[in-house]
Amino acid sequence: MVRMQVNLPPDLDPDLRERLVAEEREYSQGLQREGRIAAIWRVSGQFANYCLFDVADHERAARLRLRAADVRLHLDAG
């Protein structure tokens, strides 16, 4: 299980923010369709969630997390 917290700066350009949020949604939904995210729980009042990944090993889960961090500017995955 991985907790992900998105911390976008308050002065981020609104168009960039919208694009980043859309990319995150598309990426996450793709992982859900592929069955790589077995379950997801949103954290109320935060731009955060807990994800249960269904992957073969820790290395694959780490690659998914690194991909997420690489694509989006302000994602903390722990």
PDB file of N, CA and C in Angstrom:
ATOM      1  N   MET A   1       0.857  -1.170   0.000  1.00  0.00           N
ATOM      2  CA  MET A   1       0.000   0.000   0.000  1.00  0.00           C
ATOM      3  C   MET A   1       0.902   1.232   0.000  1.00  0.00           C
ATOM      4  N   VAL A   2       0.507   2.217  -0.756  1.00  0.00           N
ATOM      5  CA  VAL A   2       1.278   3.447  -0.901  1.00  0.00           C
ATOM      6  C   VAL A   2       0.374   4.636  -0.613  1.00  0.00           C
ATOM      7  N   ARG A   3       0.892   5.590   0.155  1.00  0.00           N
ATOM      8  CA  ARG A   3       0.178   6.845   0.370  1.00  0.00           C
ATOM      9  C   ARG A   3       0.779   7.882  -0.561  1.00  0.00           C
ATOM     10  N   MET A   4      -0.067   8.558  -1.310  1.00  0.00           N
ATOM     11  CA  MET A   4       0.386   9.604  -2.220  1.00  0.00           C
ATOM     12  C   MET A   4      -0.252  10.923  -1.819  1.00  0.00           C
ATOM     13  N   GLN A   5       0.567  11.945  -1.727  1.00  0.00           N
ATOM     14  CA  GLN A   5       0.131  13.292  -1.358  1.00  0.00           C
ATOM     15  C   GLN A   5       0.618  14.246  -2.444  1.00  0.00           C
ATOM     16  N   VAL A   6      -0.288  14.982  -3.037  1.00  0.00           N
ATOM     17  CA  VAL A   6       0.080  15.970  -4.057  1.00  0.00           C
ATOM     18  C   VAL A   6       0.121  17.337  -3.386  1.00  0.00           C
ATOM     19  N   ASN A   7       1.251  18.017  -3.535  1.00  0.00           N
ATOM     20  CA  ASN A   7       1.445  19.342  -2.936  1.00  0.00           C
ATOM     21  C   ASN A   7       1.731  20.361  -4.039  1.00  0.00           C
ATOM     22  N   LEU A   8       0.702  20.916  -4.581  1.00  0.00           N
ATOM     23  CA  LEU A   8       0.878  21.927  -5.627  1.00  0.00           C
ATOM     24  C   LEU A   8       1.056  23.293  -4.975  1.00  0.00           C
ATOM     25  N   PRO A   9       2.027  24.069  -5.450  1.00  0.00           N
ATOM     26  CA  PRO A   9       2.221  25.394  -4.871  1.00  0.00           C
ATOM     27  C   PRO A   9       1.011  26.288  -5.116  1.00  0.00           C
ATOM     28  N   PRO A  10       0.664  27.114  -4.152  1.00  0.00           N
ATOM     29  CA  PRO A  10      -0.523  27.961  -4.304  1.00  0.00           C
ATOM     30  C   PRO A  10      -0.423  28.949  -5.465  1.00  0.00           C
ATOM     31  N   ASP A  11       0.795  29.302  -5.858  1.00  0.00           N
ATOM     32  CA  ASP A  11       0.959  30.273  -6.949  1.00  0.00           C
ATOM     33  C   ASP A  11       1.190  29.599  -8.302  1.00  0.00           C
ATOM     34  N   LEU A  12       0.922  28.294  -8.396  1.00  0.00           N
ATOM     35  CA  LEU A  12       1.086  27.573  -9.655  1.00  0.00           C
ATOM     36  C   LEU A  12       0.114  28.120 -10.697  1.00  0.00           C
ATOM     37  N   ASP A  13       0.600  28.277 -11.899  1.00  0.00           N
ATOM     38  CA  ASP A  13      -0.231  28.756 -12.996  1.00  0.00           C
ATOM     39  C   ASP A  13      -1.484  27.873 -13.109  1.00  0.00           C
ATOM     40  N   PRO A  14      -2.670  28.470 -13.125  1.00  0.00           N
ATOM     41  CA  PRO A  14      -3.915  27.684 -13.158  1.00  0.00           C
ATOM     42  C   PRO A  14      -4.000  26.723 -14.351  1.00  0.00           C
ATOM     43  N   ASP A  15      -3.497  27.133 -15.511  1.00  0.00           N
ATOM     44  CA  ASP A  15      -3.531  26.247 -16.677  1.00  0.00           C
ATOM     45  C   ASP A  15      -2.618  25.038 -16.476  1.00  0.00           C
ATOM     46  N   LEU A  16      -1.441  25.255 -15.890  1.00  0.00           N
ATOM     47  CA  LEU A  16      -0.523  24.161 -15.608  1.00  0.00           C
ATOM     48  C   LEU A  16      -1.123  23.231 -14.563  1.00  0.00           C
ATOM     49  N   ARG A  17      -1.748  23.809 -13.540  1.00  0.00           N
ATOM     50  CA  ARG A  17      -2.387  22.994 -12.502  1.00  0.00           C
ATOM     51  C   ARG A  17      -3.459  22.100 -13.116  1.00  0.00           C
ATOM     52  N   GLU A  18      -4.289  22.677 -13.957  1.00  0.00           N
ATOM     53  CA  GLU A  18      -5.354  21.910 -14.604  1.00  0.00           C
ATOM     54  C   GLU A  18      -4.772  20.774 -15.445  1.00  0.00           C
ATOM     55  N   ARG A  19      -3.698  21.055 -16.180  1.00  0.00           N
ATOM     56  CA  ARG A  19      -3.066  20.034 -17.021  1.00  0.00           C
ATOM     57  C   ARG A  19      -2.475  18.912 -16.168  1.00  0.00           C
ATOM     58  N   LEU A  20      -1.779  19.272 -15.078  1.00  0.00           N
ATOM     59  CA  LEU A  20      -1.177  18.265 -14.211  1.00  0.00           C
ATOM     60  C   LEU A  20      -2.230  17.371 -13.555  1.00  0.00           C
ATOM     61  N   VAL A  21      -3.313  17.977 -13.102  1.00  0.00           N
ATOM     62  CA  VAL A  21      -4.391  17.209 -12.478  1.00  0.00           C
ATOM     63  C   VAL A  21      -5.024  16.264 -13.507  1.00  0.00           C
ATOM     64  N   ALA A  22      -5.216  16.738 -14.730  1.00  0.00           N
ATOM     65  CA  ALA A  22      -5.792  15.890 -15.786  1.00  0.00           C
ATOM     66  C   ALA A  22      -4.859  14.731 -16.124  1.00  0.00           C
ATOM     67  N   GLU A  23      -3.553  15.000 -16.192  1.00  0.00           N
ATOM     68  CA  GLU A  23      -2.586  13.940 -16.478  1.00  0.00           C
ATOM     69  C   GLU A  23      -2.576  12.899 -15.364  1.00  0.00           C
ATOM     70  N   GLU A  24      -2.624  13.353 -14.122  1.00  0.00           N
ATOM     71  CA  GLU A  24      -2.647  12.443 -12.974  1.00  0.00           C
ATOM     72  C   GLU A  24      -3.885  11.570 -13.013  1.00  0.00           C
ATOM     73  N   ARG A  25      -5.030  12.175 -13.296  1.00  0.00           N
ATOM     74  CA  ARG A  25      -6.285  11.424 -13.372  1.00  0.00           C
ATOM     75  C   ARG A  25      -6.195  10.355 -14.459  1.00  0.00           C
ATOM     76  N   GLU A  26      -5.708  10.737 -15.633  1.00  0.00           N
ATOM     77  CA  GLU A  26      -5.592   9.798 -16.754  1.00  0.00           C
ATOM     78  C   GLU A  26      -4.634   8.649 -16.413  1.00  0.00           C
ATOM     79  N   TYR A  27      -3.489   8.981 -15.819  1.00  0.00           N
ATOM     80  CA  TYR A  27      -2.505   7.963 -15.451  1.00  0.00           C
ATOM     81  C   TYR A  27      -3.090   6.999 -14.419  1.00  0.00           C
ATOM     82  N   SER A  28      -3.723   7.539 -13.389  1.00  0.00           N
ATOM     83  CA  SER A  28      -4.303   6.722 -12.326  1.00  0.00           C
ATOM     84  C   SER A  28      -5.431   5.832 -12.863  1.00  0.00           C
ATOM     85  N   GLN A  29      -6.280   6.385 -13.685  1.00  0.00           N
ATOM     86  CA  GLN A  29      -7.380   5.601 -14.241  1.00  0.00           C
ATOM     87  C   GLN A  29      -6.859   4.485 -15.150  1.00  0.00           C
ATOM     88  N   GLY A  30      -5.773   4.760 -15.856  1.00  0.00           N
ATOM     89  CA  GLY A  30      -5.145   3.726 -16.682  1.00  0.00           C
ATOM     90  C   GLY A  30      -4.641   2.571 -15.833  1.00  0.00           C
ATOM     91  N   LEU A  31      -3.986   2.898 -14.718  1.00  0.00           N
ATOM     92  CA  LEU A  31      -3.503   1.853 -13.805  1.00  0.00           C
ATOM     93  C   LEU A  31      -4.666   1.056 -13.227  1.00  0.00           C
ATOM     94  N   GLN A  32      -5.774   1.733 -12.955  1.00  0.00           N
ATOM     95  CA  GLN A  32      -6.956   1.033 -12.436  1.00  0.00           C
ATOM     96  C   GLN A  32      -7.537   0.106 -13.500  1.00  0.00           C
ATOM     97  N   ARG A  33      -7.632   0.574 -14.739  1.00  0.00           N
ATOM     98  CA  ARG A  33      -8.159  -0.261 -15.831  1.00  0.00           C
ATOM     99  C   ARG A  33      -7.281  -1.490 -16.056  1.00  0.00           C
ATOM    100  N   GLU A  34      -5.956  -1.320 -15.929  1.00  0.00           N
ATOM    101  CA  GLU A  34      -5.012  -2.426 -16.119  1.00  0.00           C
ATOM    102  C   GLU A  34      -5.013  -3.388 -14.932  1.00  0.00           C
ATOM    103  N   GLY A  35      -5.658  -3.003 -13.841  1.00  0.00           N
ATOM    104  CA  GLY A  35      -5.686  -3.839 -12.659  1.00  0.00           C
ATOM    105  C   GLY A  35      -4.455  -3.690 -11.775  1.00  0.00           C
ATOM    106  N   ARG A  36      -3.617  -2.702 -12.051  1.00  0.00           N
ATOM    107  CA  ARG A  36      -2.415  -2.493 -11.236  1.00  0.00           C
ATOM    108  C   ARG A  36      -2.739  -1.791  -9.921  1.00  0.00           C
ATOM    109  N   ILE A  37      -3.804  -1.012  -9.908  1.00  0.00           N
ATOM    110  CA  ILE A  37      -4.312  -0.461  -8.653  1.00  0.00           C
ATOM    111  C   ILE A  37      -5.526  -1.306  -8.291  1.00  0.00           C
ATOM    112  N   ALA A  38      -5.363  -2.093  -7.236  1.00  0.00           N
ATOM    113  CA  ALA A  38      -6.445  -2.989  -6.818  1.00  0.00           C
ATOM    114  C   ALA A  38      -7.525  -2.235  -6.053  1.00  0.00           C
ATOM    115  N   ALA A  39      -7.107  -1.210  -5.309  1.00  0.00           N
ATOM    116  CA  ALA A  39      -8.056  -0.399  -4.539  1.00  0.00           C
ATOM    117  C   ALA A  39      -7.432   0.967  -4.303  1.00  0.00           C
ATOM    118  N   ILE A  40      -8.302   1.948  -4.134  1.00  0.00           N
ATOM    119  CA  ILE A  40      -7.835   3.309  -3.876  1.00  0.00           C
ATOM    120  C   ILE A  40      -8.787   3.969  -2.878  1.00  0.00           C
ATOM    121  N   TRP A  41      -8.197   4.631  -1.902  1.00  0.00           N
ATOM    122  CA  TRP A  41      -8.972   5.333  -0.894  1.00  0.00           C
ATOM    123  C   TRP A  41      -8.532   6.783  -0.882  1.00  0.00           C
ATOM    124  N   ARG A  42      -9.433   7.687  -1.077  1.00  0.00           N
ATOM    125  CA  ARG A  42      -9.138   9.112  -1.057  1.00  0.00           C
ATOM    126  C   ARG A  42      -9.113   9.616   0.381  1.00  0.00           C
ATOM    127  N   VAL A  43      -8.254  10.591   0.644  1.00  0.00           N
ATOM    128  CA  VAL A  43      -8.165  11.205   1.966  1.00  0.00           C
ATOM    129  C   VAL A  43      -9.033  12.456   1.946  1.00  0.00           C
ATOM    130  N   SER A  44     -10.037  12.498   2.763  1.00  0.00           N
ATOM    131  CA  SER A  44     -10.985  13.605   2.791  1.00  0.00           C
ATOM    132  C   SER A  44     -10.285  14.929   3.098  1.00  0.00           C
ATOM    133  N   GLY A  45     -10.583  15.938   2.288  1.00  0.00           N
ATOM    134  CA  GLY A  45     -10.059  17.280   2.518  1.00  0.00           C
ATOM    135  C   GLY A  45      -8.622  17.481   2.072  1.00  0.00           C
ATOM    136  N   GLN A  46      -8.019  16.467   1.445  1.00  0.00           N
ATOM    137  CA  GLN A  46      -6.641  16.581   0.978  1.00  0.00           C
ATOM    138  C   GLN A  46      -6.558  16.098  -0.462  1.00  0.00           C
ATOM    139  N   PHE A  47      -5.485  16.505  -1.127  1.00  0.00           N
ATOM    140  CA  PHE A  47      -5.207  16.000  -2.464  1.00  0.00           C
ATOM    141  C   PHE A  47      -4.292  14.797  -2.259  1.00  0.00           C
ATOM    142  N   ALA A  48      -4.863  13.720  -1.687  1.00  0.00           N
ATOM    143  CA  ALA A  48      -4.084  12.561  -1.290  1.00  0.00           C
ATOM    144  C   ALA A  48      -4.938  11.311  -1.364  1.00  0.00           C
ATOM    145  N   ASN A  49      -4.255  10.160  -1.426  1.00  0.00           N
ATOM    146  CA  ASN A  49      -4.953   8.892  -1.409  1.00  0.00           C
ATOM    147  C   ASN A  49      -4.014   7.794  -0.947  1.00  0.00           C
ATOM    148  N   TYR A  50      -4.613   6.657  -0.660  1.00  0.00           N
ATOM    149  CA  TYR A  50      -3.881   5.425  -0.399  1.00  0.00           C
ATOM    150  C   TYR A  50      -4.219   4.477  -1.532  1.00  0.00           C
ATOM    151  N   CYS A  51      -3.193   3.869  -2.120  1.00  0.00           N
ATOM    152  CA  CYS A  51      -3.393   2.928  -3.219  1.00  0.00           C
ATOM    153  C   CYS A  51      -2.861   1.563  -2.830  1.00  0.00           C
ATOM    154  N   LEU A  52      -3.635   0.546  -3.146  1.00  0.00           N
ATOM    155  CA  LEU A  52      -3.188  -0.825  -2.993  1.00  0.00           C
ATOM    156  C   LEU A  52      -2.851  -1.318  -4.399  1.00  0.00           C
ATOM    157  N   PHE A  53      -1.557  -1.535  -4.637  1.00  0.00           N
ATOM    158  CA  PHE A  53      -1.101  -1.974  -5.952  1.00  0.00           C
ATOM    159  C   PHE A  53      -1.129  -3.495  -6.040  1.00  0.00           C
ATOM    160  N   ASP A  54      -1.512  -4.009  -7.199  1.00  0.00           N
ATOM    161  CA  ASP A  54      -1.470  -5.440  -7.480  1.00  0.00           C
ATOM    162  C   ASP A  54      -0.380  -5.648  -8.520  1.00  0.00           C
ATOM    163  N   VAL A  55       0.844  -5.854  -8.040  1.00  0.00           N
ATOM    164  CA  VAL A  55       1.999  -6.015  -8.916  1.00  0.00           C
ATOM    165  C   VAL A  55       2.787  -7.244  -8.470  1.00  0.00           C
ATOM    166  N   ALA A  56       3.662  -7.700  -9.339  1.00  0.00           N
ATOM    167  CA  ALA A  56       4.398  -8.937  -9.093  1.00  0.00           C
ATOM    168  C   ALA A  56       5.396  -8.824  -7.948  1.00  0.00           C
ATOM    169  N   ASP A  57       5.999  -7.645  -7.784  1.00  0.00           N
ATOM    170  CA  ASP A  57       7.035  -7.523  -6.757  1.00  0.00           C
ATOM    171  C   ASP A  57       7.226  -6.061  -6.370  1.00  0.00           C
ATOM    172  N   HIS A  58       8.076  -5.846  -5.370  1.00  0.00           N
ATOM    173  CA  HIS A  58       8.335  -4.493  -4.873  1.00  0.00           C
ATOM    174  C   HIS A  58       8.974  -3.617  -5.942  1.00  0.00           C
ATOM    175  N   GLU A  59       9.803  -4.223  -6.786  1.00  0.00           N
ATOM    176  CA  GLU A  59      10.486  -3.451  -7.830  1.00  0.00           C
ATOM    177  C   GLU A  59       9.475  -2.818  -8.781  1.00  0.00           C
ATOM    178  N   ARG A  60       8.474  -3.575  -9.168  1.00  0.00           N
ATOM    179  CA  ARG A  60       7.443  -3.043 -10.076  1.00  0.00           C
ATOM    180  C   ARG A  60       6.647  -1.921  -9.397  1.00  0.00           C
ATOM    181  N   ALA A  61       6.315  -2.093  -8.135  1.00  0.00           N
ATOM    182  CA  ALA A  61       5.601  -1.044  -7.405  1.00  0.00           C
ATOM    183  C   ALA A  61       6.449   0.217  -7.325  1.00  0.00           C
ATOM    184  N   ALA A  62       7.744   0.054  -7.078  1.00  0.00           N
ATOM    185  CA  ALA A  62       8.647   1.211  -7.011  1.00  0.00           C
ATOM    186  C   ALA A  62       8.710   1.916  -8.361  1.00  0.00           C
ATOM    187  N   ARG A  63       8.720   1.163  -9.445  1.00  0.00           N
ATOM    188  CA  ARG A  63       8.748   1.781 -10.785  1.00  0.00           C
ATOM    189  C   ARG A  63       7.474   2.573 -11.049  1.00  0.00           C
ATOM    190  N   LEU A  64       6.324   2.061 -10.619  1.00  0.00           N
ATOM    191  CA  LEU A  64       5.067   2.802 -10.789  1.00  0.00           C
ATOM    192  C   LEU A  64       5.122   4.106 -10.005  1.00  0.00           C
ATOM    193  N   ARG A  65       5.624   4.046  -8.768  1.00  0.00           N
ATOM    194  CA  ARG A  65       5.722   5.237  -7.932  1.00  0.00           C
ATOM    195  C   ARG A  65       6.701   6.238  -8.535  1.00  0.00           C
ATOM    196  N   LEU A  66       7.858   5.735  -9.041  1.00  0.00           N
ATOM    197  CA  LEU A  66       8.832   6.635  -9.655  1.00  0.00           C
ATOM    198  C   LEU A  66       8.266   7.271 -10.907  1.00  0.00           C
ATOM    199  N   ARG A  67       7.508   6.516 -11.674  1.00  0.00           N
ATOM    200  CA  ARG A  67       6.861   7.063 -12.876  1.00  0.00           C
ATOM    201  C   ARG A  67       5.925   8.197 -12.479  1.00  0.00           C
ATOM    202  N   ALA A  68       5.164   7.982 -11.421  1.00  0.00           N
ATOM    203  CA  ALA A  68       4.235   9.011 -10.951  1.00  0.00           C
ATOM    204  C   ALA A  68       5.001  10.252 -10.520  1.00  0.00           C
ATOM    205  N   ALA A  69       6.070  10.071  -9.772  1.00  0.00           N
ATOM    206  CA  ALA A  69       6.849  11.215  -9.291  1.00  0.00           C
ATOM    207  C   ALA A  69       7.541  11.921 -10.443  1.00  0.00           C
ATOM    208  N   ASP A  70       7.963  11.177 -11.456  1.00  0.00           N
ATOM    209  CA  ASP A  70       8.663  11.752 -12.594  1.00  0.00           C
ATOM    210  C   ASP A  70       7.724  12.585 -13.459  1.00  0.00           C
ATOM    211  N   VAL A  71       6.500  12.130 -13.636  1.00  0.00           N
ATOM    212  CA  VAL A  71       5.556  12.807 -14.522  1.00  0.00           C
ATOM    213  C   VAL A  71       4.974  14.063 -13.882  1.00  0.00           C
ATOM    214  N   ARG A  72       4.738  14.024 -12.584  1.00  0.00           N
ATOM    215  CA  ARG A  72       4.092  15.138 -11.905  1.00  0.00           C
ATOM    216  C   ARG A  72       5.065  15.830 -10.989  1.00  0.00           C
ATOM    217  N   LEU A  73       4.991  17.147 -10.957  1.00  0.00           N
ATOM    218  CA  LEU A  73       5.988  17.963 -10.252  1.00  0.00           C
ATOM    219  C   LEU A  73       6.009  17.796  -8.749  1.00  0.00           C
ATOM    220  N   HIS A  74       4.891  17.680  -8.129  1.00  0.00           N
ATOM    221  CA  HIS A  74       4.829  17.802  -6.666  1.00  0.00           C
ATOM    222  C   HIS A  74       4.115  16.621  -6.023  1.00  0.00           C
ATOM    223  N   LEU A  75       4.542  15.425  -6.369  1.00  0.00           N
ATOM    224  CA  LEU A  75       3.929  14.232  -5.810  1.00  0.00           C
ATOM    225  C   LEU A  75       4.867  13.605  -4.799  1.00  0.00           C
ATOM    226  N   ASP A  76       4.399  13.395  -3.598  1.00  0.00           N
ATOM    227  CA  ASP A  76       5.157  12.676  -2.579  1.00  0.00           C
ATOM    228  C   ASP A  76       4.534  11.309  -2.418  1.00  0.00           C
ATOM    229  N   ALA A  77       5.262  10.289  -2.792  1.00  0.00           N
ATOM    230  CA  ALA A  77       4.772   8.915  -2.643  1.00  0.00           C
ATOM    231  C   ALA A  77       5.626   8.210  -1.621  1.00  0.00           C
ATOM    232  N   GLY A  78       4.965   7.706  -0.584  1.00  0.00           N
ATOM    233  CA  GLY A  78       5.729   7.030   0.454  1.00  0.00           C
ATOM    234  C   GLY A  78       5.123   5.717   0.819  1.00  0.00           C
TER     235      GLY A  78
END
